[in-house]
Amino acid sequence: LSCAASGSIFSINAMGWYRQAPGKSRELVATFTSGGRPFYV
């Protein structure tokens, strides 16, 4: 999967990936920590 960001991106936090299965809440899948390291569920 790819996610391209545009617009006022200079002030945003690190992007993360989330998913939502039918009948379930959206959940975090992966992101970057404040130190730049990857985090995974």
PDB file of all heavy atoms in Angstrom:
ATOM      1  N   LEU A   1       0.840  -1.189   0.000  1.00  0.00           N
ATOM      2  CA  LEU A   1       0.000   0.000   0.000  1.00  0.00           C
ATOM      3  C   LEU A   1       0.878   1.243   0.000  1.00  0.00           C
ATOM      4  O   LEU A   1       1.967   1.241   0.593  1.00  0.00           O
ATOM      5  CB  LEU A   1      -0.911   0.020   1.225  1.00  0.00           C
ATOM      6  CG  LEU A   1      -1.769  -1.224   1.471  1.00  0.00           C
ATOM      7  CD1 LEU A   1      -2.650  -0.995   2.700  1.00  0.00           C
ATOM      8  CD2 LEU A   1      -2.597  -1.572   0.261  1.00  0.00           C
ATOM      9  N   SER A   2       0.384   2.285  -0.642  1.00  0.00           N
ATOM     10  CA  SER A   2       1.075   3.569  -0.668  1.00  0.00           C
ATOM     11  C   SER A   2       0.129   4.657  -0.196  1.00  0.00           C
ATOM     12  O   SER A   2      -1.080   4.589  -0.437  1.00  0.00           O
ATOM     13  CB  SER A   2       1.548   3.902  -2.080  1.00  0.00           C
ATOM     14  OG  SER A   2       2.435   2.934  -2.580  1.00  0.00           O
ATOM     15  N   CYS A   3       0.685   5.654   0.440  1.00  0.00           N
ATOM     16  CA  CYS A   3      -0.094   6.807   0.888  1.00  0.00           C
ATOM     17  C   CYS A   3       0.705   8.064   0.578  1.00  0.00           C
ATOM     18  O   CYS A   3       1.763   8.281   1.171  1.00  0.00           O
ATOM     19  CB  CYS A   3      -0.406   6.725   2.364  1.00  0.00           C
ATOM     20  SG  CYS A   3      -1.263   8.182   3.013  1.00  0.00           S
ATOM     21  N   ALA A   4       0.199   8.860  -0.340  1.00  0.00           N
ATOM     22  CA  ALA A   4       0.864  10.092  -0.729  1.00  0.00           C
ATOM     23  C   ALA A   4       0.193  11.273  -0.050  1.00  0.00           C
ATOM     24  O   ALA A   4      -1.037  11.409  -0.101  1.00  0.00           O
ATOM     25  CB  ALA A   4       0.821  10.251  -2.248  1.00  0.00           C
ATOM     26  N   ALA A   5       1.000  12.106   0.583  1.00  0.00           N
ATOM     27  CA  ALA A   5       0.491  13.282   1.281  1.00  0.00           C
ATOM     28  C   ALA A   5       0.773  14.542   0.476  1.00  0.00           C
ATOM     29  O   ALA A   5       1.818  14.656  -0.172  1.00  0.00           O
ATOM     30  CB  ALA A   5       1.126  13.393   2.661  1.00  0.00           C
ATOM     31  N   SER A   6      -0.141  15.478   0.517  1.00  0.00           N
ATOM     32  CA  SER A   6       0.052  16.764  -0.138  1.00  0.00           C
ATOM     33  C   SER A   6      -0.655  17.843   0.661  1.00  0.00           C
ATOM     34  O   SER A   6      -1.450  17.554   1.559  1.00  0.00           O
ATOM     35  CB  SER A   6      -0.482  16.732  -1.577  1.00  0.00           C
ATOM     36  OG  SER A   6      -1.866  16.462  -1.594  1.00  0.00           O
ATOM     37  N   GLY A   7      -0.360  19.082   0.352  1.00  0.00           N
ATOM     38  CA  GLY A   7      -0.958  20.203   1.069  1.00  0.00           C
ATOM     39  C   GLY A   7      -0.014  20.717   2.144  1.00  0.00           C
ATOM     40  O   GLY A   7       1.193  20.741   1.968  1.00  0.00           O
ATOM     41  N   SER A   8      -0.558  21.076   3.276  1.00  0.00           N
ATOM     42  CA  SER A   8       0.218  21.675   4.366  1.00  0.00           C
ATOM     43  C   SER A   8       0.884  20.594   5.208  1.00  0.00           C
ATOM     44  O   SER A   8       0.565  20.401   6.387  1.00  0.00           O
ATOM     45  CB  SER A   8      -0.696  22.533   5.236  1.00  0.00           C
ATOM     46  OG  SER A   8      -1.310  23.543   4.458  1.00  0.00           O
ATOM     47  N   ILE A   9       1.814  19.898   4.605  1.00  0.00           N
ATOM     48  CA  ILE A   9       2.402  18.727   5.247  1.00  0.00           C
ATOM     49  C   ILE A   9       3.560  19.057   6.169  1.00  0.00           C
ATOM     50  O   ILE A   9       4.074  18.178   6.853  1.00  0.00           O
ATOM     51  CB  ILE A   9       2.857  17.704   4.190  1.00  0.00           C
ATOM     52  CG1 ILE A   9       3.893  18.336   3.265  1.00  0.00           C
ATOM     53  CG2 ILE A   9       1.664  17.179   3.413  1.00  0.00           C
ATOM     54  CD1 ILE A   9       4.474  17.371   2.261  1.00  0.00           C
ATOM     55  N   PHE A  10       3.987  20.318   6.209  1.00  0.00           N
ATOM     56  CA  PHE A  10       5.169  20.665   6.997  1.00  0.00           C
ATOM     57  C   PHE A  10       4.920  20.532   8.492  1.00  0.00           C
ATOM     58  O   PHE A  10       5.849  20.422   9.280  1.00  0.00           O
ATOM     59  CB  PHE A  10       5.619  22.087   6.674  1.00  0.00           C
ATOM     60  CG  PHE A  10       4.527  23.109   6.826  1.00  0.00           C
ATOM     61  CD1 PHE A  10       4.290  23.709   8.055  1.00  0.00           C
ATOM     62  CD2 PHE A  10       3.718  23.452   5.758  1.00  0.00           C
ATOM     63  CE1 PHE A  10       3.281  24.637   8.198  1.00  0.00           C
ATOM     64  CE2 PHE A  10       2.707  24.372   5.888  1.00  0.00           C
ATOM     65  CZ  PHE A  10       2.482  24.963   7.119  1.00  0.00           C
ATOM     66  N   SER A  11       3.638  20.528   8.919  1.00  0.00           N
ATOM     67  CA  SER A  11       3.344  20.505  10.346  1.00  0.00           C
ATOM     68  C   SER A  11       2.712  19.208  10.828  1.00  0.00           C
ATOM     69  O   SER A  11       2.282  19.117  11.986  1.00  0.00           O
ATOM     70  CB  SER A  11       2.413  21.664  10.694  1.00  0.00           C
ATOM     71  OG  SER A  11       1.188  21.524   9.994  1.00  0.00           O
ATOM     72  N   ILE A  12       2.634  18.222   9.984  1.00  0.00           N
ATOM     73  CA  ILE A  12       1.932  16.999  10.376  1.00  0.00           C
ATOM     74  C   ILE A  12       2.853  16.035  11.120  1.00  0.00           C
ATOM     75  O   ILE A  12       4.073  16.077  10.977  1.00  0.00           O
ATOM     76  CB  ILE A  12       1.314  16.273   9.159  1.00  0.00           C
ATOM     77  CG1 ILE A  12       2.398  15.883   8.135  1.00  0.00           C
ATOM     78  CG2 ILE A  12       0.238  17.135   8.523  1.00  0.00           C
ATOM     79  CD1 ILE A  12       1.866  15.047   6.992  1.00  0.00           C
ATOM     80  N   ASN A  13       2.215  15.154  11.880  1.00  0.00           N
ATOM     81  CA  ASN A  13       2.930  14.080  12.551  1.00  0.00           C
ATOM     82  C   ASN A  13       3.255  12.973  11.552  1.00  0.00           C
ATOM     83  O   ASN A  13       2.787  12.994  10.402  1.00  0.00           O
ATOM     84  CB  ASN A  13       2.059  13.512  13.672  1.00  0.00           C
ATOM     85  CG  ASN A  13       1.682  14.572  14.678  1.00  0.00           C
ATOM     86  OD1 ASN A  13       2.480  15.434  15.026  1.00  0.00           O
ATOM     87  ND2 ASN A  13       0.439  14.535  15.139  1.00  0.00           N
ATOM     88  N   ALA A  14       4.014  12.003  12.015  1.00  0.00           N
ATOM     89  CA  ALA A  14       4.313  10.863  11.153  1.00  0.00           C
ATOM     90  C   ALA A  14       3.018  10.148  10.769  1.00  0.00           C
ATOM     91  O   ALA A  14       2.084  10.047  11.570  1.00  0.00           O
ATOM     92  CB  ALA A  14       5.239   9.893  11.872  1.00  0.00           C
ATOM     93  N   MET A  15       2.955   9.696   9.543  1.00  0.00           N
ATOM     94  CA  MET A  15       1.761   8.998   9.088  1.00  0.00           C
ATOM     95  C   MET A  15       1.740   7.575   9.618  1.00  0.00           C
ATOM     96  O   MET A  15       2.781   6.953   9.832  1.00  0.00           O
ATOM     97  CB  MET A  15       1.702   8.996   7.564  1.00  0.00           C
ATOM     98  CG  MET A  15       1.267  10.336   6.991  1.00  0.00           C
ATOM     99  SD  MET A  15       0.829  10.242   5.267  1.00  0.00           S
ATOM    100  CE  MET A  15       2.445  10.157   4.515  1.00  0.00           C
ATOM    101  N   GLY A  16       0.548   7.079   9.809  1.00  0.00           N
ATOM    102  CA  GLY A  16       0.382   5.700  10.237  1.00  0.00           C
ATOM    103  C   GLY A  16      -0.633   5.000   9.365  1.00  0.00           C
ATOM    104  O   GLY A  16      -1.380   5.621   8.619  1.00  0.00           O
ATOM    105  N   TRP A  17      -0.645   3.702   9.464  1.00  0.00           N
ATOM    106  CA  TRP A  17      -1.628   2.883   8.757  1.00  0.00           C
ATOM    107  C   TRP A  17      -2.611   2.285   9.756  1.00  0.00           C
ATOM    108  O   TRP A  17      -2.206   1.801  10.813  1.00  0.00           O
ATOM    109  CB  TRP A  17      -0.930   1.759   7.982  1.00  0.00           C
ATOM    110  CG  TRP A  17      -0.246   2.240   6.746  1.00  0.00           C
ATOM    111  CD1 TRP A  17       1.065   2.541   6.596  1.00  0.00           C
ATOM    112  CD2 TRP A  17      -0.868   2.502   5.486  1.00  0.00           C
ATOM    113  NE1 TRP A  17       1.312   2.976   5.310  1.00  0.00           N
ATOM    114  CE2 TRP A  17       0.142   2.956   4.612  1.00  0.00           C
ATOM    115  CE3 TRP A  17      -2.171   2.392   5.000  1.00  0.00           C
ATOM    116  CZ2 TRP A  17      -0.106   3.306   3.278  1.00  0.00           C
ATOM    117  CZ3 TRP A  17      -2.423   2.738   3.685  1.00  0.00           C
ATOM    118  CH2 TRP A  17      -1.400   3.185   2.839  1.00  0.00           C
ATOM    119  N   TYR A  18      -3.871   2.330   9.383  1.00  0.00           N
ATOM    120  CA  TYR A  18      -4.953   1.830  10.211  1.00  0.00           C
ATOM    121  C   TYR A  18      -5.824   0.931   9.339  1.00  0.00           C
ATOM    122  O   TYR A  18      -5.733   0.965   8.108  1.00  0.00           O
ATOM    123  CB  TYR A  18      -5.808   2.987  10.743  1.00  0.00           C
ATOM    124  CG  TYR A  18      -5.043   3.973  11.575  1.00  0.00           C
ATOM    125  CD1 TYR A  18      -4.180   4.896  10.986  1.00  0.00           C
ATOM    126  CD2 TYR A  18      -5.163   3.999  12.960  1.00  0.00           C
ATOM    127  CE1 TYR A  18      -3.457   5.800  11.751  1.00  0.00           C
ATOM    128  CE2 TYR A  18      -4.455   4.911  13.730  1.00  0.00           C
ATOM    129  CZ  TYR A  18      -3.603   5.804  13.109  1.00  0.00           C
ATOM    130  OH  TYR A  18      -2.894   6.696  13.875  1.00  0.00           O
ATOM    131  N   ARG A  19      -6.663   0.142   9.988  1.00  0.00           N
ATOM    132  CA  ARG A  19      -7.598  -0.672   9.210  1.00  0.00           C
ATOM    133  C   ARG A  19      -8.910  -0.816   9.972  1.00  0.00           C
ATOM    134  O   ARG A  19      -8.946  -0.725  11.194  1.00  0.00           O
ATOM    135  CB  ARG A  19      -7.015  -2.045   8.893  1.00  0.00           C
ATOM    136  CG  ARG A  19      -6.798  -2.948  10.107  1.00  0.00           C
ATOM    137  CD  ARG A  19      -6.063  -4.218   9.697  1.00  0.00           C
ATOM    138  NE  ARG A  19      -5.823  -5.097  10.833  1.00  0.00           N
ATOM    139  CZ  ARG A  19      -5.081  -6.201  10.754  1.00  0.00           C
ATOM    140  NH1 ARG A  19      -4.503  -6.548   9.605  1.00  0.00           N
ATOM    141  NH2 ARG A  19      -4.912  -6.950  11.829  1.00  0.00           N
ATOM    142  N   GLN A  20      -9.949  -1.041   9.179  1.00  0.00           N
ATOM    143  CA  GLN A  20     -11.271  -1.239   9.763  1.00  0.00           C
ATOM    144  C   GLN A  20     -11.951  -2.388   9.049  1.00  0.00           C
ATOM    145  O   GLN A  20     -12.243  -2.296   7.841  1.00  0.00           O
ATOM    146  CB  GLN A  20     -12.116   0.030   9.659  1.00  0.00           C
ATOM    147  CG  GLN A  20     -13.433  -0.061  10.396  1.00  0.00           C
ATOM    148  CD  GLN A  20     -14.089   1.293  10.569  1.00  0.00           C
ATOM    149  OE1 GLN A  20     -13.744   2.275   9.905  1.00  0.00           O
ATOM    150  NE2 GLN A  20     -15.044   1.376  11.481  1.00  0.00           N
ATOM    151  N   ALA A  21     -12.180  -3.454   9.783  1.00  0.00           N
ATOM    152  CA  ALA A  21     -12.886  -4.614   9.256  1.00  0.00           C
ATOM    153  C   ALA A  21     -14.384  -4.421   9.469  1.00  0.00           C
ATOM    154  O   ALA A  21     -14.796  -3.650  10.344  1.00  0.00           O
ATOM    155  CB  ALA A  21     -12.397  -5.877   9.944  1.00  0.00           C
ATOM    156  N   PRO A  22     -15.215  -5.096   8.698  1.00  0.00           N
ATOM    157  CA  PRO A  22     -16.667  -4.954   8.855  1.00  0.00           C
ATOM    158  C   PRO A  22     -17.114  -5.250  10.285  1.00  0.00           C
ATOM    159  O   PRO A  22     -16.724  -6.264  10.874  1.00  0.00           O
ATOM    160  CB  PRO A  22     -17.231  -5.996   7.881  1.00  0.00           C
ATOM    161  CG  PRO A  22     -16.176  -6.150   6.845  1.00  0.00           C
ATOM    162  CD  PRO A  22     -14.878  -5.997   7.582  1.00  0.00           C
ATOM    163  N   GLY A  23     -17.879  -4.339  10.838  1.00  0.00           N
ATOM    164  CA  GLY A  23     -18.409  -4.533  12.184  1.00  0.00           C
ATOM    165  C   GLY A  23     -17.425  -4.262  13.297  1.00  0.00           C
ATOM    166  O   GLY A  23     -17.743  -4.484  14.474  1.00  0.00           O
ATOM    167  N   LYS A  24     -16.234  -3.795  12.939  1.00  0.00           N
ATOM    168  CA  LYS A  24     -15.210  -3.545  13.961  1.00  0.00           C
ATOM    169  C   LYS A  24     -14.767  -2.090  13.931  1.00  0.00           C
ATOM    170  O   LYS A  24     -14.990  -1.377  12.957  1.00  0.00           O
ATOM    171  CB  LYS A  24     -14.012  -4.472  13.754  1.00  0.00           C
ATOM    172  CG  LYS A  24     -14.328  -5.940  13.953  1.00  0.00           C
ATOM    173  CD  LYS A  24     -13.065  -6.769  13.922  1.00  0.00           C
ATOM    174  CE  LYS A  24     -13.365  -8.234  14.201  1.00  0.00           C
ATOM    175  NZ  LYS A  24     -12.128  -9.056  14.214  1.00  0.00           N
ATOM    176  N   SER A  25     -14.129  -1.672  15.000  1.00  0.00           N
ATOM    177  CA  SER A  25     -13.603  -0.311  15.070  1.00  0.00           C
ATOM    178  C   SER A  25     -12.306  -0.209  14.284  1.00  0.00           C
ATOM    179  O   SER A  25     -11.630  -1.203  14.033  1.00  0.00           O
ATOM    180  CB  SER A  25     -13.348   0.067  16.535  1.00  0.00           C
ATOM    181  OG  SER A  25     -14.538  -0.016  17.290  1.00  0.00           O
ATOM    182  N   ARG A  26     -11.989   1.005  13.905  1.00  0.00           N
ATOM    183  CA  ARG A  26     -10.716   1.238  13.231  1.00  0.00           C
ATOM    184  C   ARG A  26      -9.583   1.010  14.216  1.00  0.00           C
ATOM    185  O   ARG A  26      -9.640   1.470  15.364  1.00  0.00           O
ATOM    186  CB  ARG A  26     -10.664   2.660  12.676  1.00  0.00           C
ATOM    187  CG  ARG A  26      -9.524   2.931  11.730  1.00  0.00           C
ATOM    188  CD  ARG A  26      -9.667   4.303  11.085  1.00  0.00           C
ATOM    189  NE  ARG A  26     -10.899   4.400  10.301  1.00  0.00           N
ATOM    190  CZ  ARG A  26     -11.191   5.448   9.545  1.00  0.00           C
ATOM    191  NH1 ARG A  26     -10.349   6.468   9.452  1.00  0.00           N
ATOM    192  NH2 ARG A  26     -12.321   5.485   8.882  1.00  0.00           N
ATOM    193  N   GLU A  27      -8.540   0.323  13.769  1.00  0.00           N
ATOM    194  CA  GLU A  27      -7.422   0.026  14.650  1.00  0.00           C
ATOM    195  C   GLU A  27      -6.102   0.417  13.987  1.00  0.00           C
ATOM    196  O   GLU A  27      -5.960   0.373  12.763  1.00  0.00           O
ATOM    197  CB  GLU A  27      -7.376  -1.469  15.006  1.00  0.00           C
ATOM    198  CG  GLU A  27      -7.117  -2.388  13.832  1.00  0.00           C
ATOM    199  CD  GLU A  27      -6.832  -3.823  14.250  1.00  0.00           C
ATOM    200  OE1 GLU A  27      -6.667  -4.101  15.449  1.00  0.00           O
ATOM    201  OE2 GLU A  27      -6.774  -4.681  13.334  1.00  0.00           O
ATOM    202  N   LEU A  28      -5.154   0.785  14.831  1.00  0.00           N
ATOM    203  CA  LEU A  28      -3.814   1.085  14.352  1.00  0.00           C
ATOM    204  C   LEU A  28      -3.135  -0.206  13.913  1.00  0.00           C
ATOM    205  O   LEU A  28      -3.202  -1.220  14.604  1.00  0.00           O
ATOM    206  CB  LEU A  28      -2.989   1.752  15.459  1.00  0.00           C
ATOM    207  CG  LEU A  28      -1.527   1.994  15.153  1.00  0.00           C
ATOM    208  CD1 LEU A  28      -1.363   3.032  14.054  1.00  0.00           C
ATOM    209  CD2 LEU A  28      -0.801   2.432  16.429  1.00  0.00           C
ATOM    210  N   VAL A  29      -2.465  -0.142  12.775  1.00  0.00           N
ATOM    211  CA  VAL A  29      -1.701  -1.287  12.273  1.00  0.00           C
ATOM    212  C   VAL A  29      -0.207  -1.029  12.427  1.00  0.00           C
ATOM    213  O   VAL A  29       0.534  -1.855  12.952  1.00  0.00           O
ATOM    214  CB  VAL A  29      -2.042  -1.555  10.797  1.00  0.00           C
ATOM    215  CG1 VAL A  29      -1.159  -2.667  10.240  1.00  0.00           C
ATOM    216  CG2 VAL A  29      -3.515  -1.902  10.634  1.00  0.00           C
ATOM    217  N   ALA A  30       0.242   0.118  11.958  1.00  0.00           N
ATOM    218  CA  ALA A  30       1.673   0.430  12.000  1.00  0.00           C
ATOM    219  C   ALA A  30       1.855   1.931  11.931  1.00  0.00           C
ATOM    220  O   ALA A  30       1.075   2.633  11.281  1.00  0.00           O
ATOM    221  CB  ALA A  30       2.410  -0.244  10.849  1.00  0.00           C
ATOM    222  N   THR A  31       2.892   2.413  12.567  1.00  0.00           N
ATOM    223  CA  THR A  31       3.215   3.823  12.505  1.00  0.00           C
ATOM    224  C   THR A  31       4.683   4.000  12.880  1.00  0.00           C
ATOM    225  O   THR A  31       5.423   3.018  13.023  1.00  0.00           O
ATOM    226  CB  THR A  31       2.300   4.637  13.440  1.00  0.00           C
ATOM    227  OG1 THR A  31       2.520   6.035  13.215  1.00  0.00           O
ATOM    228  CG2 THR A  31       2.559   4.311  14.899  1.00  0.00           C
ATOM    229  N   PHE A  32       5.105   5.237  12.991  1.00  0.00           N
ATOM    230  CA  PHE A  32       6.449   5.549  13.450  1.00  0.00           C
ATOM    231  C   PHE A  32       6.343   6.228  14.806  1.00  0.00           C
ATOM    232  O   PHE A  32       5.474   7.060  15.041  1.00  0.00           O
ATOM    233  CB  PHE A  32       7.165   6.468  12.463  1.00  0.00           C
ATOM    234  CG  PHE A  32       7.491   5.813  11.153  1.00  0.00           C
ATOM    235  CD1 PHE A  32       6.666   5.987  10.060  1.00  0.00           C
ATOM    236  CD2 PHE A  32       8.612   5.017  11.021  1.00  0.00           C
ATOM    237  CE1 PHE A  32       6.949   5.385   8.855  1.00  0.00           C
ATOM    238  CE2 PHE A  32       8.912   4.404   9.809  1.00  0.00           C
ATOM    239  CZ  PHE A  32       8.075   4.588   8.723  1.00  0.00           C
ATOM    240  N   THR A  33       7.246   5.874  15.696  1.00  0.00           N
ATOM    241  CA  THR A  33       7.284   6.533  16.998  1.00  0.00           C
ATOM    242  C   THR A  33       7.859   7.933  16.840  1.00  0.00           C
ATOM    243  O   THR A  33       8.350   8.302  15.771  1.00  0.00           O
ATOM    244  CB  THR A  33       8.165   5.745  17.971  1.00  0.00           C
ATOM    245  OG1 THR A  33       9.530   5.811  17.515  1.00  0.00           O
ATOM    246  CG2 THR A  33       7.736   4.286  18.044  1.00  0.00           C
ATOM    247  N   SER A  34       7.818   8.694  17.914  1.00  0.00           N
ATOM    248  CA  SER A  34       8.382  10.050  17.869  1.00  0.00           C
ATOM    249  C   SER A  34       9.872  10.011  17.595  1.00  0.00           C
ATOM    250  O   SER A  34      10.441  10.971  17.082  1.00  0.00           O
ATOM    251  CB  SER A  34       8.107  10.775  19.183  1.00  0.00           C
ATOM    252  OG  SER A  34       8.640  10.039  20.273  1.00  0.00           O
ATOM    253  N   GLY A  35      10.507   8.904  17.901  1.00  0.00           N
ATOM    254  CA  GLY A  35      11.927   8.753  17.607  1.00  0.00           C
ATOM    255  C   GLY A  35      12.205   8.225  16.214  1.00  0.00           C
ATOM    256  O   GLY A  35      13.358   8.007  15.842  1.00  0.00           O
ATOM    257  N   GLY A  36      11.146   8.002  15.440  1.00  0.00           N
ATOM    258  CA  GLY A  36      11.314   7.574  14.060  1.00  0.00           C
ATOM    259  C   GLY A  36      11.387   6.077  13.861  1.00  0.00           C
ATOM    260  O   GLY A  36      11.607   5.608  12.742  1.00  0.00           O
ATOM    261  N   ARG A  37      11.172   5.317  14.922  1.00  0.00           N
ATOM    262  CA  ARG A  37      11.238   3.870  14.801  1.00  0.00           C
ATOM    263  C   ARG A  37       9.858   3.327  14.447  1.00  0.00           C
ATOM    264  O   ARG A  37       8.837   3.857  14.893  1.00  0.00           O
ATOM    265  CB  ARG A  37      11.731   3.253  16.098  1.00  0.00           C
ATOM    266  CG  ARG A  37      13.098   3.754  16.509  1.00  0.00           C
ATOM    267  CD  ARG A  37      13.622   3.021  17.720  1.00  0.00           C
ATOM    268  NE  ARG A  37      13.957   1.634  17.391  1.00  0.00           N
ATOM    269  CZ  ARG A  37      14.550   0.807  18.255  1.00  0.00           C
ATOM    270  NH1 ARG A  37      14.821   1.209  19.475  1.00  0.00           N
ATOM    271  NH2 ARG A  37      14.836  -0.419  17.897  1.00  0.00           N
ATOM    272  N   PRO A  38       9.789   2.266  13.666  1.00  0.00           N
ATOM    273  CA  PRO A  38       8.497   1.688  13.323  1.00  0.00           C
ATOM    274  C   PRO A  38       7.861   0.989  14.522  1.00  0.00           C
ATOM    275  O   PRO A  38       8.562   0.433  15.364  1.00  0.00           O
ATOM    276  CB  PRO A  38       8.831   0.689  12.215  1.00  0.00           C
ATOM    277  CG  PRO A  38      10.269   0.360  12.408  1.00  0.00           C
ATOM    278  CD  PRO A  38      10.913   1.565  12.979  1.00  0.00           C
ATOM    279  N   PHE A  39       6.556   1.065  14.565  1.00  0.00           N
ATOM    280  CA  PHE A  39       5.776   0.389  15.595  1.00  0.00           C
ATOM    281  C   PHE A  39       4.686  -0.412  14.898  1.00  0.00           C
ATOM    282  O   PHE A  39       4.040   0.081  13.974  1.00  0.00           O
ATOM    283  CB  PHE A  39       5.147   1.397  16.554  1.00  0.00           C
ATOM    284  CG  PHE A  39       4.133   0.771  17.475  1.00  0.00           C
ATOM    285  CD1 PHE A  39       4.539   0.150  18.648  1.00  0.00           C
ATOM    286  CD2 PHE A  39       2.785   0.771  17.152  1.00  0.00           C
ATOM    287  CE1 PHE A  39       3.607  -0.458  19.485  1.00  0.00           C
ATOM    288  CE2 PHE A  39       1.851   0.169  17.979  1.00  0.00           C
ATOM    289  CZ  PHE A  39       2.268  -0.445  19.146  1.00  0.00           C
ATOM    290  N   TYR A  40       4.454  -1.638  15.366  1.00  0.00           N
ATOM    291  CA  TYR A  40       3.445  -2.508  14.770  1.00  0.00           C
ATOM    292  C   TYR A  40       2.540  -3.078  15.852  1.00  0.00           C
ATOM    293  O   TYR A  40       2.989  -3.401  16.954  1.00  0.00           O
ATOM    294  CB  TYR A  40       4.111  -3.677  14.028  1.00  0.00           C
ATOM    295  CG  TYR A  40       5.082  -3.258  12.960  1.00  0.00           C
ATOM    296  CD1 TYR A  40       6.440  -3.178  13.221  1.00  0.00           C
ATOM    297  CD2 TYR A  40       4.635  -2.930  11.683  1.00  0.00           C
ATOM    298  CE1 TYR A  40       7.337  -2.781  12.250  1.00  0.00           C
ATOM    299  CE2 TYR A  40       5.526  -2.536  10.694  1.00  0.00           C
ATOM    300  CZ  TYR A  40       6.877  -2.459  10.994  1.00  0.00           C
ATOM    301  OH  TYR A  40       7.748  -2.056  10.020  1.00  0.00           O
ATOM    302  N   VAL A  41       1.281  -3.227  15.496  1.00  0.00           N
ATOM    303  CA  VAL A  41       0.393  -3.953  16.378  1.00  0.00           C
ATOM    304  C   VAL A  41       0.808  -5.420  16.344  1.00  0.00           C
ATOM    305  O   VAL A  41       1.335  -5.907  15.330  1.00  0.00           O
ATOM    306  CB  VAL A  41      -1.078  -3.764  15.937  1.00  0.00           C
ATOM    307  CG1 VAL A  41      -1.332  -4.432  14.604  1.00  0.00           C
ATOM    308  CG2 VAL A  41      -2.022  -4.244  17.007  1.00  0.00           C
TER     309      VAL A  41
END
